[in-house]
Amino acid sequence: MTFQIYPTLEIPETLAAGPGPGNTDARVLKAFASAGVADHMQGDVLRGMIECKHMLREIWGTDNTYTFAVAGTGWSGLDTMFSAVMPGDRVVAFTNGTFSGIDALTLRIKAATPAEHAANPLDPHAASVTVIEVPHGQPVTGEMVEEALAAHKPKWAFMAHWETGSGRVNDLRGFSDACARHGAMGLVDAVSSLGVADFRIDDYPGIAGWASCPQKGLCCLPLTYAPVSFTDAYIEALRTTGAYSYVHNPIYEARHWGIVDGQDVEKGTYHRTHSGYAVAAFHESLRLTLQDGLAKRARCYRTHEAVLRDAVTAMGCTVTSDMPSLVVLNLPPALAGREMELVQNCRARGFGIWPTLSAPVQVRIGILNQLDRQAISRIVHLFGDAIRELGGQVDFDIIEALLESRYGTSIAA
């Protein structure tokens, strides 16, 4: 048998202008590439993990001792958060897009009984889980949460903070307040909001568990660490019931980060083999976030998203989202139905925008880590070129005048 030796894989740089991941910051890439070869128990690797834990508490805005990060993508963090949900647990989950929909599937898998798994192994319909499906493009409101929790009295309630499938911001205050009133432990997917929005999780006492990712607001590599944070009430519930997981059990994970029995200790216990490269990259992304400041960063996202929103509107598109880091739009009527063609044309040119992953098909343009005039102008012009390529009408003189009016005096580069 002969084996083909393929040429060295060369991946060109692209502009990641979708819902995430965003382009990793150059400082983070440098930290990743500059890390020395070290085993996972080397002193500086462990010190970096301890410092990451403390920086995460500051970024999350919490006194939760059980605040750390899970090796992997955002799904790793979410699976860790959901690990406390046991078969038969009563759950209410709110969905309004692709990713909260996958979260709801995860909850149905966690809460399903053996018989329910046997009946439909890949899509179990757990009788104890109620999924409130909010139509695409609409937010989850506090009134919806109040009504559902009052009716079902669940142990757990779930919502995404920002749903990138449809670009909607959901009512975090209403969700937390309803959970507190009805004795439910709230679980929140903050994958798209951490590092972009200016909020403190301790201001939302109805929420017991939070999970995010490294590759969006924190501008780190996709395969590094997914931040999570849990209240004492969550940990006590987990201690009471246990979890069907070793790898993603929050208590075991926390011990590796020097969190044992609710206390920070000098040295953690072995749980998994960590990468010194990943620790260095994640550490630098957290430093960068704190140096920028969440309030300043949140203002920048709001400002630049507004410019992008107005520019694509001037091209005849209709924006249906309200996320500061993502514009979700319908193409001009003459181009309706050609969304996938436009997206593929853009991606072929290294301009990585995305369609929505569920009906109706829309176009998503993100600005993660693209927070200056030059970056937004580049995104606007590339998108305008794509519209023109399909036969649409774009007056670049009008677009340039809009950019100049918005950036000329009011927004620093």
Protein backbone atom coordinates (compact mmCIF):
# COMPACT_ATOMS: atom_id res chain seq x y z
CA MET A 1 0.00 0.00 0.00
CA THR A 2 1.33 3.42 -0.92
CA PHE A 3 0.50 6.65 0.87
CA GLN A 4 0.31 10.08 -0.65
CA ILE A 5 2.37 12.75 1.07
CA TYR A 6 0.37 15.92 0.71
CA PRO A 7 2.02 19.33 0.37
CA THR A 8 2.29 21.51 3.44
CA LEU A 9 -1.11 22.97 4.26
CA GLU A 10 -1.15 26.72 3.70
CA ILE A 11 -4.23 28.61 4.86
CA PRO A 12 -4.50 32.21 3.69
CA GLU A 13 -5.61 34.96 6.01
CA THR A 14 -9.28 35.84 5.68
CA LEU A 15 -11.48 38.55 7.09
CA ALA A 16 -13.72 36.80 9.62
CA ALA A 17 -16.81 38.99 9.34
CA GLY A 18 -19.50 36.64 10.56
CA PRO A 19 -21.09 35.89 13.93
CA GLY A 20 -17.87 34.28 15.18
CA PRO A 21 -15.19 33.24 15.49
CA GLY A 22 -13.63 36.61 14.89
CA ASN A 23 -10.07 37.24 13.79
CA THR A 24 -7.79 36.53 16.74
CA ASP A 25 -5.92 39.58 18.00
CA ALA A 26 -2.26 39.74 16.92
CA ARG A 27 -1.14 40.00 20.55
CA VAL A 28 -2.93 36.75 21.34
CA LEU A 29 -1.38 34.97 18.35
CA LYS A 30 2.06 36.18 19.42
CA ALA A 31 1.53 34.86 22.94
CA PHE A 32 0.42 31.52 21.51
CA ALA A 33 3.39 31.21 19.14
CA SER A 34 5.96 32.49 21.64
CA ALA A 35 5.14 30.09 24.46
CA GLY A 36 7.96 27.71 25.26
CA VAL A 37 7.56 23.96 25.12
CA ALA A 38 6.36 23.03 28.60
CA ASP A 39 4.43 20.25 30.22
CA HIS A 40 0.98 21.01 31.58
CA MET A 41 2.17 21.07 35.21
CA GLN A 42 5.07 23.47 34.63
CA GLY A 43 5.04 26.32 37.16
CA ASP A 44 4.41 29.17 34.74
CA VAL A 45 1.55 27.29 33.06
CA LEU A 46 -0.11 26.77 36.44
CA ARG A 47 0.52 30.38 37.45
CA GLY A 48 -1.05 31.51 34.18
CA MET A 49 -4.15 29.44 34.93
CA ILE A 50 -4.50 30.97 38.38
CA GLU A 51 -4.16 34.47 36.93
CA CYS A 52 -6.73 33.61 34.24
CA LYS A 53 -9.16 32.54 36.94
CA HIS A 54 -8.87 35.88 38.71
CA MET A 55 -9.07 37.89 35.49
CA LEU A 56 -12.20 35.98 34.50
CA ARG A 57 -13.90 36.97 37.76
CA GLU A 58 -13.21 40.59 36.95
CA ILE A 59 -14.45 40.29 33.36
CA TRP A 60 -17.59 38.36 34.35
CA GLY A 61 -18.19 40.83 37.17
CA THR A 62 -18.60 38.23 39.88
CA ASP A 63 -17.56 37.01 43.30
CA ASN A 64 -18.38 33.42 42.29
CA THR A 65 -15.46 31.27 43.40
CA TYR A 66 -16.45 28.68 40.82
CA THR A 67 -15.33 30.83 37.90
CA PHE A 68 -12.85 29.20 35.56
CA ALA A 69 -12.52 28.03 31.95
CA VAL A 70 -13.10 24.73 30.19
CA ALA A 71 -10.64 23.49 27.58
CA GLY A 72 -12.28 23.53 24.16
CA THR A 73 -14.82 25.61 22.28
CA GLY A 74 -17.91 27.37 23.55
CA TRP A 75 -19.82 24.10 23.29
CA SER A 76 -17.44 22.64 25.89
CA GLY A 77 -18.36 25.40 28.32
CA LEU A 78 -22.07 24.97 27.61
CA ASP A 79 -21.90 21.21 28.08
CA THR A 80 -20.18 21.77 31.42
CA MET A 81 -22.92 24.16 32.52
CA PHE A 82 -25.65 21.71 31.45
CA SER A 83 -23.98 18.77 33.20
CA ALA A 84 -25.93 19.45 36.41
CA VAL A 85 -29.21 18.70 34.61
CA MET A 86 -30.24 15.14 35.42
CA PRO A 87 -32.79 12.74 33.87
CA GLY A 88 -36.30 13.77 34.85
CA ASP A 89 -35.34 17.31 35.91
CA ARG A 90 -38.05 19.81 35.02
CA VAL A 91 -36.62 22.36 32.58
CA VAL A 92 -37.99 25.31 30.60
CA ALA A 93 -35.82 26.40 27.67
CA PHE A 94 -36.38 29.43 25.46
CA THR A 95 -35.17 29.32 21.86
CA ASN A 96 -35.16 31.99 19.16
CA GLY A 97 -32.45 30.85 16.79
CA THR A 98 -30.11 28.06 15.74
CA PHE A 99 -27.80 28.05 18.73
CA SER A 100 -30.32 28.34 21.52
CA GLY A 101 -32.09 25.54 19.63
CA ILE A 102 -28.99 23.34 19.94
CA ASP A 103 -28.78 24.28 23.61
CA ALA A 104 -32.37 23.12 24.02
CA LEU A 105 -31.53 19.83 22.32
CA THR A 106 -28.66 19.40 24.78
CA LEU A 107 -31.04 19.97 27.67
CA ARG A 108 -33.47 17.40 26.27
CA ILE A 109 -30.59 14.92 25.99
CA LYS A 110 -29.51 15.62 29.59
CA ALA A 111 -33.01 15.43 31.06
CA ALA A 112 -34.30 12.46 29.06
CA THR A 113 -34.88 9.17 30.82
CA PRO A 114 -33.36 5.92 29.47
CA ALA A 115 -36.71 5.02 27.92
CA GLU A 116 -36.94 8.42 26.21
CA HIS A 117 -33.42 8.01 24.84
CA ALA A 118 -34.26 4.55 23.55
CA ALA A 119 -37.36 5.88 21.79
CA ASN A 120 -35.40 8.55 19.91
CA PRO A 121 -31.64 8.41 20.62
CA LEU A 122 -30.59 11.45 18.55
CA ASP A 123 -33.55 13.67 19.34
CA PRO A 124 -35.07 12.54 22.65
CA HIS A 125 -38.33 14.16 23.62
CA ALA A 126 -37.96 14.51 27.37
CA ALA A 127 -41.36 14.93 28.97
CA SER A 128 -39.81 17.00 31.74
CA VAL A 129 -38.47 19.63 29.32
CA THR A 130 -40.66 22.40 27.94
CA VAL A 131 -39.20 24.29 24.98
CA ILE A 132 -40.69 27.72 24.28
CA GLU A 133 -39.98 28.40 20.61
CA VAL A 134 -39.93 32.12 19.89
CA PRO A 135 -40.22 32.90 16.16
CA HIS A 136 -37.01 33.69 14.27
CA GLY A 137 -36.13 37.36 14.50
CA GLN A 138 -38.01 38.00 17.73
CA PRO A 139 -36.44 38.32 21.20
CA VAL A 140 -37.20 36.36 24.34
CA THR A 141 -39.01 38.79 26.63
CA GLY A 142 -39.38 38.90 30.38
CA GLU A 143 -43.14 38.48 29.98
CA MET A 144 -42.64 35.21 28.09
CA VAL A 145 -40.32 33.91 30.78
CA GLU A 146 -42.66 34.94 33.60
CA GLU A 147 -45.62 33.20 32.02
CA ALA A 148 -43.75 29.95 31.31
CA LEU A 149 -42.06 29.67 34.70
CA ALA A 150 -45.31 30.41 36.52
CA ALA A 151 -47.01 27.63 34.58
CA HIS A 152 -44.31 24.94 34.72
CA LYS A 153 -42.35 25.63 37.94
CA PRO A 154 -39.08 24.15 36.65
CA LYS A 155 -35.88 23.38 38.52
CA TRP A 156 -33.86 24.86 35.65
CA ALA A 157 -34.60 27.61 33.13
CA PHE A 158 -32.45 28.38 30.09
CA MET A 159 -31.99 31.29 27.70
CA ALA A 160 -29.29 32.61 25.40
CA HIS A 161 -28.28 36.18 26.21
CA TRP A 162 -27.51 37.09 22.58
CA GLU A 163 -28.73 34.68 19.88
CA THR A 164 -26.40 34.91 16.87
CA GLY A 165 -28.67 32.69 14.78
CA SER A 166 -31.06 35.61 14.41
CA GLY A 167 -29.01 38.48 15.85
CA ARG A 168 -31.38 39.17 18.74
CA VAL A 169 -30.64 40.40 22.26
CA ASN A 170 -32.86 38.65 24.81
CA ASP A 171 -34.18 40.09 28.07
CA LEU A 172 -31.56 39.18 30.66
CA ARG A 173 -33.13 41.25 33.46
CA GLY A 174 -36.58 39.81 32.88
CA PHE A 175 -35.18 36.28 32.76
CA SER A 176 -33.24 36.67 36.02
CA ASP A 177 -36.12 38.29 37.85
CA ALA A 178 -38.58 35.59 36.77
CA CYS A 179 -36.16 32.84 37.82
CA ALA A 180 -35.77 34.44 41.24
CA ARG A 181 -39.54 34.81 41.71
CA HIS A 182 -40.30 31.21 40.78
CA GLY A 183 -37.36 29.45 42.41
CA ALA A 184 -35.80 28.28 39.15
CA MET A 185 -32.05 28.17 38.66
CA GLY A 186 -31.32 30.14 35.51
CA LEU A 187 -28.72 28.97 32.98
CA VAL A 188 -27.47 31.45 30.37
CA ASP A 189 -25.58 30.99 27.12
CA ALA A 190 -23.41 34.14 27.03
CA VAL A 191 -21.25 32.92 24.15
CA SER A 192 -21.89 36.04 22.07
CA SER A 193 -22.06 38.70 24.78
CA LEU A 194 -19.05 38.14 27.07
CA GLY A 195 -16.35 40.61 26.14
CA VAL A 196 -18.73 42.62 23.95
CA ALA A 197 -21.43 43.81 26.38
CA ASP A 198 -20.81 45.73 29.59
CA PHE A 199 -22.60 43.73 32.29
CA ARG A 200 -21.88 42.09 35.65
CA ILE A 201 -23.35 38.67 36.22
CA ASP A 202 -23.68 39.26 39.96
CA ASP A 203 -26.36 41.83 39.09
CA TYR A 204 -28.57 38.93 37.95
CA PRO A 205 -29.11 36.78 41.05
CA GLY A 206 -31.74 34.56 39.45
CA ILE A 207 -29.09 33.06 37.17
CA ALA A 208 -27.02 30.23 38.65
CA GLY A 209 -24.86 29.22 35.69
CA TRP A 210 -23.15 31.06 32.86
CA ALA A 211 -21.13 29.77 29.91
CA SER A 212 -19.29 31.55 27.12
CA CYS A 213 -16.54 30.94 24.55
CA PRO A 214 -13.02 32.17 23.75
CA GLN A 215 -13.35 33.07 20.09
CA LYS A 216 -15.94 35.86 19.98
CA GLY A 217 -15.85 38.79 22.41
CA LEU A 218 -12.57 37.68 23.96
CA CYS A 219 -10.93 37.51 20.51
CA CYS A 220 -8.91 34.39 21.29
CA LEU A 221 -8.38 31.17 19.38
CA PRO A 222 -11.44 28.92 19.00
CA LEU A 223 -9.73 25.96 20.69
CA THR A 224 -8.50 27.44 23.93
CA TYR A 225 -10.78 27.97 26.95
CA ALA A 226 -14.51 28.52 27.39
CA PRO A 227 -15.30 30.69 30.45
CA VAL A 228 -17.92 29.50 32.92
CA SER A 229 -19.18 30.77 36.26
CA PHE A 230 -21.43 29.10 38.82
CA THR A 231 -23.11 30.28 41.99
CA ASP A 232 -22.88 28.40 45.28
CA ALA A 233 -26.50 27.31 44.78
CA TYR A 234 -25.61 25.67 41.45
CA ILE A 235 -22.64 23.85 42.98
CA GLU A 236 -24.76 22.66 45.91
CA ALA A 237 -27.37 21.29 43.49
CA LEU A 238 -24.60 19.50 41.59
CA ARG A 239 -23.19 18.05 44.82
CA THR A 240 -26.65 16.76 45.70
CA THR A 241 -27.41 14.99 42.42
CA GLY A 242 -24.01 14.39 40.83
CA ALA A 243 -23.51 14.45 37.07
CA TYR A 244 -23.01 11.85 34.37
CA SER A 245 -19.65 13.31 33.36
CA TYR A 246 -16.07 13.34 34.50
CA VAL A 247 -14.58 15.54 31.81
CA HIS A 248 -17.24 18.28 31.99
CA ASN A 249 -18.17 18.03 35.66
CA PRO A 250 -17.79 21.58 37.03
CA ILE A 251 -16.53 20.38 40.41
CA TYR A 252 -13.76 18.25 38.89
CA GLU A 253 -12.91 20.98 36.38
CA ALA A 254 -12.71 23.59 39.14
CA ARG A 255 -10.26 21.51 41.16
CA HIS A 256 -7.77 21.70 38.29
CA TRP A 257 -7.99 25.49 38.56
CA GLY A 258 -7.24 25.49 42.28
CA ILE A 259 -10.87 25.70 43.43
CA VAL A 260 -11.65 23.04 46.02
CA ASP A 261 -14.67 22.93 48.32
CA GLY A 262 -15.56 26.51 47.46
CA GLN A 263 -12.13 27.91 48.25
CA ASP A 264 -9.11 29.00 46.25
CA VAL A 265 -6.20 26.74 47.14
CA GLU A 266 -2.52 26.96 46.36
CA LYS A 267 -2.43 23.99 44.02
CA GLY A 268 -5.12 22.27 42.02
CA THR A 269 -5.47 18.57 41.28
CA TYR A 270 -5.02 16.88 37.91
CA HIS A 271 -8.06 16.78 35.65
CA ARG A 272 -6.83 17.07 32.07
CA THR A 273 -3.70 17.82 30.10
CA HIS A 274 -3.66 21.52 29.36
CA SER A 275 -1.62 23.22 26.64
CA GLY A 276 0.88 25.87 27.65
CA TYR A 277 0.28 27.50 24.26
CA ALA A 278 -3.46 27.71 24.91
CA VAL A 279 -2.93 29.05 28.43
CA ALA A 280 -0.61 31.77 27.12
CA ALA A 281 -3.06 32.81 24.38
CA PHE A 282 -6.07 32.84 26.69
CA HIS A 283 -4.14 34.76 29.35
CA GLU A 284 -3.24 37.46 26.83
CA SER A 285 -6.81 37.72 25.54
CA LEU A 286 -8.04 38.34 29.09
CA ARG A 287 -5.32 40.95 29.68
CA LEU A 288 -6.34 42.68 26.46
CA THR A 289 -10.01 42.68 27.46
CA LEU A 290 -9.24 44.23 30.84
CA GLN A 291 -6.90 46.81 29.33
CA ASP A 292 -9.57 47.87 26.83
CA GLY A 293 -12.24 47.95 29.53
CA LEU A 294 -15.68 46.48 28.95
CA ALA A 295 -17.46 49.83 29.03
CA LYS A 296 -15.23 51.28 26.32
CA ARG A 297 -15.38 48.15 24.22
CA ALA A 298 -19.17 47.98 24.46
CA ARG A 299 -19.42 51.61 23.29
CA CYS A 300 -17.15 50.87 20.33
CA TYR A 301 -19.27 47.92 19.24
CA ARG A 302 -22.46 49.95 19.42
CA THR A 303 -20.91 52.81 17.47
CA HIS A 304 -19.41 50.76 14.65
CA GLU A 305 -22.42 48.47 14.31
CA ALA A 306 -24.59 51.55 13.81
CA VAL A 307 -22.35 52.68 10.94
CA LEU A 308 -22.44 49.26 9.29
CA ARG A 309 -26.22 49.07 9.78
CA ASP A 310 -26.74 52.44 8.08
CA ALA A 311 -24.37 51.57 5.24
CA VAL A 312 -26.09 48.30 4.29
CA THR A 313 -29.46 50.01 4.64
CA ALA A 314 -28.27 52.59 2.13
CA MET A 315 -27.60 49.66 -0.22
CA GLY A 316 -31.26 48.65 -0.03
CA CYS A 317 -30.94 45.93 2.63
CA THR A 318 -33.28 45.60 5.62
CA VAL A 319 -31.63 44.96 9.00
CA THR A 320 -33.64 42.81 11.43
CA SER A 321 -31.11 42.35 14.27
CA ASP A 322 -30.25 44.38 17.36
CA MET A 323 -26.91 42.86 18.39
CA PRO A 324 -24.01 45.34 18.66
CA SER A 325 -21.52 42.89 17.14
CA LEU A 326 -23.62 41.46 14.32
CA VAL A 327 -25.88 42.75 11.55
CA VAL A 328 -28.50 40.31 10.23
CA LEU A 329 -30.18 41.51 7.07
CA ASN A 330 -32.47 40.78 4.16
CA LEU A 331 -31.04 41.54 0.75
CA PRO A 332 -32.72 44.11 -1.52
CA PRO A 333 -35.98 42.69 -2.97
CA ALA A 334 -34.43 42.23 -6.42
CA LEU A 335 -31.82 39.87 -4.93
CA ALA A 336 -34.11 37.92 -2.60
CA GLY A 337 -33.40 34.19 -2.75
CA ARG A 338 -29.75 34.68 -3.72
CA GLU A 339 -28.38 34.94 -0.18
CA MET A 340 -26.32 31.75 -0.37
CA GLU A 341 -24.86 32.75 -3.74
CA LEU A 342 -23.77 36.11 -2.34
CA VAL A 343 -22.25 34.54 0.77
CA GLN A 344 -20.31 31.96 -1.26
CA ASN A 345 -19.00 34.66 -3.60
CA CYS A 346 -17.76 36.65 -0.62
CA ARG A 347 -16.13 33.66 1.05
CA ALA A 348 -14.33 32.75 -2.19
CA ARG A 349 -12.64 36.16 -1.94
CA GLY A 350 -11.57 35.78 1.69
CA PHE A 351 -14.48 37.83 3.05
CA GLY A 352 -16.04 35.49 5.59
CA ILE A 353 -19.66 36.47 6.08
CA TRP A 354 -22.36 33.91 6.91
CA PRO A 355 -25.95 33.02 6.10
CA THR A 356 -28.37 32.23 8.86
CA LEU A 357 -28.45 28.49 9.49
CA SER A 358 -32.23 28.22 9.71
CA ALA A 359 -35.17 29.63 7.80
CA PRO A 360 -35.67 32.27 6.68
CA VAL A 361 -32.25 32.53 5.05
CA GLN A 362 -30.65 35.89 5.78
CA VAL A 363 -27.14 37.31 5.62
CA ARG A 364 -25.03 37.87 8.74
CA ILE A 365 -22.13 40.35 8.86
CA GLY A 366 -20.12 40.56 12.08
CA ILE A 367 -17.57 43.06 13.37
CA LEU A 368 -15.79 41.04 16.07
CA ASN A 369 -12.38 42.62 16.65
CA GLN A 370 -13.01 45.02 13.72
CA LEU A 371 -13.43 48.21 15.71
CA ASP A 372 -12.00 51.03 13.64
CA ARG A 373 -12.91 53.08 10.60
CA GLN A 374 -10.57 51.22 8.26
CA ALA A 375 -12.02 47.81 9.18
CA ILE A 376 -15.65 48.89 8.89
CA SER A 377 -14.99 50.68 5.61
CA ARG A 378 -13.37 47.56 4.21
CA ILE A 379 -16.35 45.41 5.25
CA VAL A 380 -18.80 47.91 3.74
CA HIS A 381 -16.96 48.08 0.41
CA LEU A 382 -16.53 44.32 0.13
CA PHE A 383 -20.22 43.82 0.78
CA GLY A 384 -21.15 46.55 -1.68
CA ASP A 385 -18.98 44.88 -4.34
CA ALA A 386 -20.80 41.59 -3.68
CA ILE A 387 -24.19 43.28 -4.11
CA ARG A 388 -23.05 44.79 -7.40
CA GLU A 389 -21.68 41.47 -8.62
CA LEU A 390 -25.18 39.99 -8.36
CA GLY A 391 -26.62 42.90 -10.34
CA GLY A 392 -27.72 45.03 -7.40
CA GLN A 393 -27.42 48.79 -7.30
CA VAL A 394 -24.89 50.41 -4.94
CA ASP A 395 -23.97 54.08 -5.14
CA PHE A 396 -20.52 54.21 -3.58
CA ASP A 397 -20.53 58.01 -3.61
CA ILE A 398 -23.46 57.90 -1.19
CA ILE A 399 -21.74 55.20 0.87
CA GLU A 400 -18.51 57.21 1.07
CA ALA A 401 -20.42 60.31 2.11
CA LEU A 402 -22.15 58.30 4.84
CA LEU A 403 -18.85 56.91 6.14
CA GLU A 404 -17.26 60.34 6.09
CA SER A 405 -20.18 61.93 7.91
CA ARG A 406 -20.08 59.27 10.62
CA TYR A 407 -16.32 58.96 10.98
CA GLY A 408 -15.06 62.34 9.88
CA THR A 409 -15.45 64.10 13.21
CA SER A 410 -17.34 61.98 15.68
CA ILE A 411 -15.46 58.68 15.82
CA ALA A 412 -11.76 58.23 16.29
CA ALA A 413 -10.05 55.74 13.97
